[in-house]
Amino acid sequence: MELNSSFEYLKLAQILQNDIVSGLYREGSKLPSVRALKTNYGLSISTILKSFYELEKRGLITAKEKYGY
């Protein structure tokens, strides 16, 4: 599934937020890797990281050093 827009990071953040809220990703579990999201959505790594930062701002995820999101 490709996301095409100037606000791709917000669209991906919303998709991941919906998955988190629905219980697909439980507290303490890892989100898909940056590489997996790059492959699945056709986005750049910087866009994916920007989505993760957005989810951090919303208080939905936290990054763990040397572990990911």
C-alpha atoms as a PDB file:
ATOM      1  CA  MET A   1       0.000   0.000   0.000  1.00  0.00           C
ATOM      2  CA  GLU A   2       1.558   3.283  -1.058  1.00  0.00           C
ATOM      3  CA  LEU A   3       0.796   6.631   0.525  1.00  0.00           C
ATOM      4  CA  ASN A   4       0.983   9.588  -1.845  1.00  0.00           C
ATOM      5  CA  SER A   5       0.788  13.064  -0.401  1.00  0.00           C
ATOM      6  CA  SER A   6       2.933  15.822   0.986  1.00  0.00           C
ATOM      7  CA  PHE A   7       1.902  14.674   4.476  1.00  0.00           C
ATOM      8  CA  GLU A   8       2.784  10.990   4.152  1.00  0.00           C
ATOM      9  CA  TYR A   9       4.275  10.909   7.653  1.00  0.00           C
ATOM     10  CA  LEU A  10       0.965  12.039   9.163  1.00  0.00           C
ATOM     11  CA  LYS A  11      -0.959   9.416   7.213  1.00  0.00           C
ATOM     12  CA  LEU A  12       1.405   6.680   8.364  1.00  0.00           C
ATOM     13  CA  ALA A  13       1.262   7.999  11.927  1.00  0.00           C
ATOM     14  CA  GLN A  14      -2.536   7.804  11.800  1.00  0.00           C
ATOM     15  CA  ILE A  15      -2.445   4.243  10.448  1.00  0.00           C
ATOM     16  CA  LEU A  16      -0.080   3.174  13.225  1.00  0.00           C
ATOM     17  CA  GLN A  17      -2.136   5.058  15.833  1.00  0.00           C
ATOM     18  CA  ASN A  18      -5.259   3.222  14.713  1.00  0.00           C
ATOM     19  CA  ASP A  19      -3.383  -0.081  15.000  1.00  0.00           C
ATOM     20  CA  ILE A  20      -2.188   0.809  18.498  1.00  0.00           C
ATOM     21  CA  VAL A  21      -5.629   1.935  19.698  1.00  0.00           C
ATOM     22  CA  SER A  22      -7.301  -1.144  18.217  1.00  0.00           C
ATOM     23  CA  GLY A  23      -4.934  -3.378  20.171  1.00  0.00           C
ATOM     24  CA  LEU A  24      -2.964  -4.719  17.229  1.00  0.00           C
ATOM     25  CA  TYR A  25       0.176  -3.487  18.990  1.00  0.00           C
ATOM     26  CA  ARG A  26      -0.014  -3.951  22.733  1.00  0.00           C
ATOM     27  CA  GLU A  27       1.829  -1.926  25.313  1.00  0.00           C
ATOM     28  CA  GLY A  28       5.442  -2.998  25.433  1.00  0.00           C
ATOM     29  CA  SER A  29       5.422  -4.677  22.024  1.00  0.00           C
ATOM     30  CA  LYS A  30       7.545  -3.498  19.105  1.00  0.00           C
ATOM     31  CA  LEU A  31       6.190  -1.715  16.091  1.00  0.00           C
ATOM     32  CA  PRO A  32       7.135  -2.985  12.632  1.00  0.00           C
ATOM     33  CA  SER A  33      10.712  -2.203  11.669  1.00  0.00           C
ATOM     34  CA  VAL A  34      11.570   0.817   9.581  1.00  0.00           C
ATOM     35  CA  ARG A  35      12.616  -1.511   6.760  1.00  0.00           C
ATOM     36  CA  ALA A  36       9.317  -3.403   6.867  1.00  0.00           C
ATOM     37  CA  LEU A  37       7.335  -0.162   6.763  1.00  0.00           C
ATOM     38  CA  LYS A  38       9.550   1.099   3.918  1.00  0.00           C
ATOM     39  CA  THR A  39       8.761  -2.033   1.930  1.00  0.00           C
ATOM     40  CA  ASN A  40       5.036  -2.095   2.770  1.00  0.00           C
ATOM     41  CA  TYR A  41       4.294   1.593   2.177  1.00  0.00           C
ATOM     42  CA  GLY A  42       7.016   2.676  -0.248  1.00  0.00           C
ATOM     43  CA  LEU A  43       8.120   5.512   2.019  1.00  0.00           C
ATOM     44  CA  SER A  44      11.562   6.850   2.778  1.00  0.00           C
ATOM     45  CA  ILE A  45      13.252   6.046   6.065  1.00  0.00           C
ATOM     46  CA  SER A  46      13.157   9.721   7.055  1.00  0.00           C
ATOM     47  CA  THR A  47       9.375   9.834   6.485  1.00  0.00           C
ATOM     48  CA  ILE A  48       8.889   6.736   8.633  1.00  0.00           C
ATOM     49  CA  LEU A  49      11.061   8.146  11.408  1.00  0.00           C
ATOM     50  CA  LYS A  50       9.090  11.379  11.250  1.00  0.00           C
ATOM     51  CA  SER A  51       5.922   9.297  11.760  1.00  0.00           C
ATOM     52  CA  PHE A  52       7.496   7.650  14.806  1.00  0.00           C
ATOM     53  CA  TYR A  53       8.448  11.068  16.213  1.00  0.00           C
ATOM     54  CA  GLU A  54       4.849  12.207  15.684  1.00  0.00           C
ATOM     55  CA  LEU A  55       3.548   9.200  17.617  1.00  0.00           C
ATOM     56  CA  GLU A  56       6.026   9.992  20.406  1.00  0.00           C
ATOM     57  CA  LYS A  57       4.685  13.564  20.560  1.00  0.00           C
ATOM     58  CA  ARG A  58       1.162  12.126  20.862  1.00  0.00           C
ATOM     59  CA  GLY A  59       2.330   9.985  23.781  1.00  0.00           C
ATOM     60  CA  LEU A  60       1.524   6.708  22.026  1.00  0.00           C
ATOM     61  CA  ILE A  61       5.006   5.225  21.733  1.00  0.00           C
ATOM     62  CA  THR A  62       8.440   5.532  23.286  1.00  0.00           C
ATOM     63  CA  ALA A  63      11.805   4.688  21.832  1.00  0.00           C
ATOM     64  CA  LYS A  64      14.164   2.386  23.696  1.00  0.00           C
ATOM     65  CA  GLU A  65      17.852   2.877  23.046  1.00  0.00           C
ATOM     66  CA  LYS A  66      19.277   0.129  20.817  1.00  0.00           C
ATOM     67  CA  TYR A  67      15.842  -1.502  20.649  1.00  0.00           C
ATOM     68  CA  GLY A  68      13.605   0.671  18.478  1.00  0.00           C
ATOM     69  CA  TYR A  69      10.007   1.706  18.918  1.00  0.00           C
END
